[in-house]
Protein backbone atom coordinates (compact mmCIF):
# COMPACT_ATOMS: atom_id res chain seq x y z
CA UNK A 1 -28.41 26.13 7.66
CA UNK A 2 -24.81 27.40 7.91
CA UNK A 3 -24.16 25.11 10.88
CA UNK A 4 -25.35 22.07 8.86
CA UNK A 5 -23.00 22.99 6.00
CA UNK A 6 -20.11 23.30 8.45
CA UNK A 7 -20.90 19.91 9.93
CA UNK A 8 -21.13 18.32 6.47
CA UNK A 9 -17.85 19.92 5.42
CA UNK A 10 -16.11 18.74 8.60
CA UNK A 11 -17.45 15.21 8.03
CA UNK A 12 -16.25 15.24 4.42
CA UNK A 13 -12.77 16.49 5.36
CA UNK A 14 -12.48 13.92 8.13
CA UNK A 15 -13.51 11.18 5.71
CA UNK A 16 -10.83 12.24 3.21
CA UNK A 17 -8.17 12.30 5.94
CA UNK A 18 -9.13 8.80 7.10
CA UNK A 19 -8.88 7.50 3.54
CA UNK A 20 -5.38 8.96 3.21
CA UNK A 21 -4.29 7.46 6.53
CA UNK A 22 -5.60 4.03 5.60
CA UNK A 23 -4.27 3.60 2.11
CA UNK A 24 -4.18 -0.01 1.12
CA UNK A 25 -1.05 -2.10 1.24
CA UNK A 26 -1.09 -2.36 -2.55
CA UNK A 27 -0.90 1.39 -2.96
CA UNK A 28 1.98 1.48 -0.50
CA UNK A 29 3.78 -1.32 -2.33
CA UNK A 30 3.45 0.51 -5.63
CA UNK A 31 4.60 3.79 -4.08
CA UNK A 32 7.57 2.20 -2.33
CA UNK A 33 8.56 0.17 -5.39
CA UNK A 34 8.47 3.30 -7.54
CA UNK A 35 11.18 4.75 -5.29
CA UNK A 36 13.46 1.84 -6.20
CA UNK A 37 14.88 0.64 -9.49
CA UNK A 38 12.88 -2.58 -9.27
CA UNK A 39 10.13 -3.71 -11.60
CA UNK A 40 7.26 -5.92 -10.50
CA UNK A 41 9.08 -8.81 -12.16
CA UNK A 42 12.29 -8.05 -10.23
CA UNK A 43 10.53 -8.12 -6.89
CA UNK A 44 8.59 -11.25 -7.79
CA UNK A 45 11.83 -13.02 -8.68
CA UNK A 46 13.54 -11.91 -5.45
CA UNK A 47 10.62 -13.38 -3.53
CA UNK A 48 10.58 -16.50 -5.74
CA UNK A 49 7.02 -15.71 -6.82
CA UNK A 50 5.09 -15.54 -10.03
CA UNK A 51 4.84 -11.96 -11.29
CA UNK A 52 1.04 -12.29 -11.29
CA UNK A 53 1.05 -12.93 -7.54
CA UNK A 54 3.00 -9.75 -6.90
CA UNK A 55 0.73 -7.79 -9.24
CA UNK A 56 -2.28 -9.08 -7.29
CA UNK A 57 -0.72 -7.66 -4.12
CA UNK A 58 -0.28 -4.24 -5.70
CA UNK A 59 -3.81 -4.36 -7.10
CA UNK A 60 -5.12 -5.58 -3.75
CA UNK A 61 -6.88 -8.54 -5.31
CA UNK A 62 -5.07 -10.89 -2.92
CA UNK A 63 -3.40 -10.51 0.44
CA UNK A 64 0.31 -10.78 1.06
CA UNK A 65 1.18 -13.98 2.88
CA UNK A 66 2.93 -13.18 6.14
CA UNK A 67 6.00 -15.22 5.24
CA UNK A 68 6.87 -12.68 2.50
CA UNK A 69 6.47 -9.50 4.53
CA UNK A 70 9.95 -9.32 6.15
CA UNK A 71 11.76 -9.98 2.85
CA UNK A 72 9.50 -7.53 1.00
CA UNK A 73 10.32 -4.80 3.52
CA UNK A 74 14.02 -5.59 3.14
CA UNK A 75 13.84 -5.42 -0.66
CA UNK A 76 12.04 -2.08 -0.53
CA UNK A 77 14.43 -0.75 2.12
CA UNK A 78 11.75 0.01 4.70
CA UNK A 79 10.58 -1.19 8.09
CA UNK A 80 7.75 -3.74 8.09
CA UNK A 81 5.26 -1.22 9.47
CA UNK A 82 6.00 1.10 6.53
CA UNK A 83 4.34 -1.42 4.22
CA UNK A 84 1.07 -0.78 6.04
CA UNK A 85 1.18 3.01 6.41
């Protein structure tokens, strides 16, 4: 019985750690943007996008088109891979 509880607890903890490691791009965008002075509107304008498109990225209701990724990383002051971590 104790061994089963330990296994279940280990599985649960591993699951939580995997979720933290694989946060969505939208969560990362929101987190990175919050470290800047930029609003969603500001970033959308810098990318020549509609604000709704950028909001969809943060809400993960649509994917970021690859053409915007380098500029987005530049705006947020991070490396491209940081957008996905």
